[in-house]
């Protein structure tokens, strides 16, 4: 499975200069074995981090992640990730 980076690029191009500089300085995070997202939450609150995808197999945890990060893809098997 591929993460749709082309969509991200088109969103950055459509931004204003200030937003573009901020987006280019972000550190992208791929959260593996995510649980309910505590690690990503801490990183996003601490600095210029943004989670671009989660990998979690438990349905309850996936539901929590989907609630708090509705636009971030969630994959259920780390063996099938292809970056």
Protein backbone atom coordinates (compact mmCIF):
# COMPACT_ATOMS: atom_id res chain seq x y z
CA UNK A 1 0.00 0.00 0.00
CA UNK A 2 1.25 3.44 -0.87
CA UNK A 3 0.63 6.63 1.05
CA UNK A 4 -0.74 9.24 -1.38
CA UNK A 5 2.11 11.78 -1.32
CA UNK A 6 0.88 13.38 -4.57
CA UNK A 7 -2.13 14.69 -2.67
CA UNK A 8 0.15 16.25 -0.06
CA UNK A 9 2.24 17.94 -2.74
CA UNK A 10 -0.84 19.44 -4.41
CA UNK A 11 -2.06 20.72 -1.04
CA UNK A 12 1.30 22.39 -0.35
CA UNK A 13 1.31 24.03 -3.79
CA UNK A 14 -2.17 25.46 -3.13
CA UNK A 15 -1.08 27.05 0.20
CA UNK A 16 0.03 30.62 0.78
CA UNK A 17 3.70 31.38 1.44
CA UNK A 18 3.45 31.33 5.25
CA UNK A 19 1.53 28.04 5.30
CA UNK A 20 3.92 26.54 2.75
CA UNK A 21 7.01 27.38 4.86
CA UNK A 22 5.36 25.82 7.92
CA UNK A 23 4.39 22.67 6.01
CA UNK A 24 7.88 22.30 4.53
CA UNK A 25 9.41 22.46 8.03
CA UNK A 26 7.18 19.72 9.42
CA UNK A 27 8.65 16.39 10.39
CA UNK A 28 6.44 13.61 9.08
CA UNK A 29 5.78 10.62 11.35
CA UNK A 30 4.73 7.09 10.41
CA UNK A 31 3.33 5.68 13.66
CA UNK A 32 3.81 1.89 13.73
CA UNK A 33 2.08 -0.25 16.39
CA UNK A 34 0.12 2.90 17.23
CA UNK A 35 -2.18 1.81 20.03
CA UNK A 36 -4.51 4.74 20.69
CA UNK A 37 -2.04 7.32 19.38
CA UNK A 38 -0.36 8.59 22.54
CA UNK A 39 3.07 8.82 20.92
CA UNK A 40 1.75 10.79 17.94
CA UNK A 41 -0.29 13.06 20.18
CA UNK A 42 2.77 13.89 22.27
CA UNK A 43 4.93 14.53 19.21
CA UNK A 44 2.34 16.78 17.57
CA UNK A 45 1.94 18.82 20.74
CA UNK A 46 5.70 19.07 21.34
CA UNK A 47 6.93 20.29 18.01
CA UNK A 48 6.69 20.43 14.25
CA UNK A 49 5.59 16.79 13.88
CA UNK A 50 2.64 15.56 11.82
CA UNK A 51 1.49 11.95 11.62
CA UNK A 52 0.98 10.91 8.00
CA UNK A 53 -0.19 7.33 8.67
CA UNK A 54 -0.87 4.83 11.44
CA UNK A 55 -0.38 1.08 11.53
CA UNK A 56 -2.52 -0.67 14.12
CA UNK A 57 -4.38 -3.98 13.94
CA UNK A 58 -6.74 -3.78 16.95
CA UNK A 59 -10.25 -2.58 15.97
CA UNK A 60 -10.80 -0.61 19.19
CA UNK A 61 -7.53 1.27 18.75
CA UNK A 62 -8.33 1.91 15.09
CA UNK A 63 -11.66 3.44 16.12
CA UNK A 64 -9.93 5.78 18.59
CA UNK A 65 -7.35 6.80 15.97
CA UNK A 66 -10.07 7.41 13.37
CA UNK A 67 -11.96 9.63 15.82
CA UNK A 68 -8.96 11.82 16.68
CA UNK A 69 -7.20 11.79 13.27
CA UNK A 70 -10.09 11.43 10.78
CA UNK A 71 -8.03 12.35 7.70
CA UNK A 72 -4.99 10.16 8.48
CA UNK A 73 -4.86 6.69 6.88
CA UNK A 74 -4.77 3.65 9.16
CA UNK A 75 -3.19 0.41 7.96
CA UNK A 76 -3.77 -2.85 9.78
CA UNK A 77 -0.73 -4.94 8.88
CA UNK A 78 2.86 -3.71 9.06
CA UNK A 79 3.97 -6.52 6.73
CA UNK A 80 1.93 -5.01 3.89
CA UNK A 81 3.30 -1.46 4.11
CA UNK A 82 5.22 -0.31 1.06
CA UNK A 83 6.98 3.04 1.29
